[in-house]
Amino acid sequence: DIMLDMKPWYQSKTVWGALIAMAAPLLRGAGLDLGGSDQAALADALVTLAGTFGGLLALYGRLTATKGVGG
């Protein structure tokens, strides 16, 4: 089965979940313990923030562009 719908990496809950899972032991060593539900909530929040940031960056880029878009 081929994935035809592509999205940027920063909009993937799987990517954020993996990054958080890798960071969790480091955070635990620093005294911050993230349980499974906390990790899932953090992944959801980061996907939302990344999508919002990406949209704002795209809007800023279009508004400040000096050349039109064409093909």
C-alpha atoms as a PDB file:
ATOM      1  CA  ASP A   1       0.000   0.000   0.000  1.00  0.00           C
ATOM      2  CA  ILE A   2       1.578   3.274  -1.132  1.00  0.00           C
ATOM      3  CA  MET A   3       1.064   6.491   0.811  1.00  0.00           C
ATOM      4  CA  LEU A   4      -0.065   9.125  -1.683  1.00  0.00           C
ATOM      5  CA  ASP A   5      -1.021  11.854   0.765  1.00  0.00           C
ATOM      6  CA  MET A   6       2.194  13.412   2.019  1.00  0.00           C
ATOM      7  CA  LYS A   7       2.618  15.873   4.864  1.00  0.00           C
ATOM      8  CA  PRO A   8       5.636  17.641   6.314  1.00  0.00           C
ATOM      9  CA  TRP A   9       7.496  15.703   9.013  1.00  0.00           C
ATOM     10  CA  TYR A  10       6.614  18.257  11.685  1.00  0.00           C
ATOM     11  CA  GLN A  11       2.894  17.542  11.225  1.00  0.00           C
ATOM     12  CA  SER A  12       3.341  13.854  12.047  1.00  0.00           C
ATOM     13  CA  LYS A  13       2.244  12.648  15.474  1.00  0.00           C
ATOM     14  CA  THR A  14       4.397   9.573  14.920  1.00  0.00           C
ATOM     15  CA  VAL A  15       7.550  11.663  14.429  1.00  0.00           C
ATOM     16  CA  TRP A  16       6.816  13.835  17.472  1.00  0.00           C
ATOM     17  CA  GLY A  17       5.917  10.773  19.520  1.00  0.00           C
ATOM     18  CA  ALA A  18       9.215   9.116  18.592  1.00  0.00           C
ATOM     19  CA  LEU A  19      11.189  12.267  19.434  1.00  0.00           C
ATOM     20  CA  ILE A  20       9.420  12.580  22.784  1.00  0.00           C
ATOM     21  CA  ALA A  21       9.951   8.875  23.524  1.00  0.00           C
ATOM     22  CA  MET A  22      13.673   9.330  22.857  1.00  0.00           C
ATOM     23  CA  ALA A  23      13.801  12.465  25.007  1.00  0.00           C
ATOM     24  CA  ALA A  24      11.778  10.990  27.898  1.00  0.00           C
ATOM     25  CA  PRO A  25      14.720   9.101  29.479  1.00  0.00           C
ATOM     26  CA  LEU A  26      16.861  12.235  29.304  1.00  0.00           C
ATOM     27  CA  LEU A  27      14.098  14.278  30.895  1.00  0.00           C
ATOM     28  CA  ARG A  28      13.620  11.611  33.570  1.00  0.00           C
ATOM     29  CA  GLY A  29      17.322  11.869  34.355  1.00  0.00           C
ATOM     30  CA  ALA A  30      16.844  15.611  34.771  1.00  0.00           C
ATOM     31  CA  GLY A  31      13.985  15.023  37.231  1.00  0.00           C
ATOM     32  CA  LEU A  32      10.989  15.378  34.882  1.00  0.00           C
ATOM     33  CA  ASP A  33       9.030  12.142  34.491  1.00  0.00           C
ATOM     34  CA  LEU A  34       6.682  11.966  31.483  1.00  0.00           C
ATOM     35  CA  GLY A  35       4.150   9.162  31.647  1.00  0.00           C
ATOM     36  CA  GLY A  36       2.528   7.675  28.542  1.00  0.00           C
ATOM     37  CA  SER A  37      -0.497   9.982  28.626  1.00  0.00           C
ATOM     38  CA  ASP A  38       1.747  13.019  29.161  1.00  0.00           C
ATOM     39  CA  GLN A  39       3.856  11.979  26.165  1.00  0.00           C
ATOM     40  CA  ALA A  40       0.739  11.633  23.976  1.00  0.00           C
ATOM     41  CA  ALA A  41      -0.603  15.017  25.099  1.00  0.00           C
ATOM     42  CA  LEU A  42       2.774  16.637  24.445  1.00  0.00           C
ATOM     43  CA  ALA A  43       2.935  15.079  20.958  1.00  0.00           C
ATOM     44  CA  ASP A  44      -0.549  16.431  20.159  1.00  0.00           C
ATOM     45  CA  ALA A  45       0.398  19.892  21.410  1.00  0.00           C
ATOM     46  CA  LEU A  46       3.635  19.925  19.402  1.00  0.00           C
ATOM     47  CA  VAL A  47       1.830  18.872  16.195  1.00  0.00           C
ATOM     48  CA  THR A  48      -0.645  21.713  16.721  1.00  0.00           C
ATOM     49  CA  LEU A  49       2.107  24.236  17.419  1.00  0.00           C
ATOM     50  CA  ALA A  50       4.208  23.069  14.466  1.00  0.00           C
ATOM     51  CA  GLY A  51       1.236  23.288  12.099  1.00  0.00           C
ATOM     52  CA  THR A  52       0.370  26.761  13.342  1.00  0.00           C
ATOM     53  CA  PHE A  53       3.984  27.906  13.064  1.00  0.00           C
ATOM     54  CA  GLY A  54       4.265  26.442   9.562  1.00  0.00           C
ATOM     55  CA  GLY A  55       1.106  28.231   8.455  1.00  0.00           C
ATOM     56  CA  LEU A  56       2.245  31.525   9.914  1.00  0.00           C
ATOM     57  CA  LEU A  57       5.654  31.156   8.287  1.00  0.00           C
ATOM     58  CA  ALA A  58       4.062  30.409   4.902  1.00  0.00           C
ATOM     59  CA  LEU A  59       1.752  33.406   5.242  1.00  0.00           C
ATOM     60  CA  TYR A  60       4.640  35.674   6.232  1.00  0.00           C
ATOM     61  CA  GLY A  61       6.692  34.403   3.300  1.00  0.00           C
ATOM     62  CA  ARG A  62       3.893  35.076   0.839  1.00  0.00           C
ATOM     63  CA  LEU A  63       3.163  38.533   2.226  1.00  0.00           C
ATOM     64  CA  THR A  64       6.813  39.594   2.140  1.00  0.00           C
ATOM     65  CA  ALA A  65       7.657  37.989  -1.223  1.00  0.00           C
ATOM     66  CA  THR A  66       8.912  40.277  -3.948  1.00  0.00           C
ATOM     67  CA  LYS A  67       7.945  37.997  -6.853  1.00  0.00           C
ATOM     68  CA  GLY A  68       4.669  36.373  -7.812  1.00  0.00           C
ATOM     69  CA  VAL A  69       3.929  32.683  -7.909  1.00  0.00           C
ATOM     70  CA  GLY A  70       3.560  31.044 -11.313  1.00  0.00           C
ATOM     71  CA  GLY A  71       4.355  27.949 -13.205  1.00  0.00           C
END
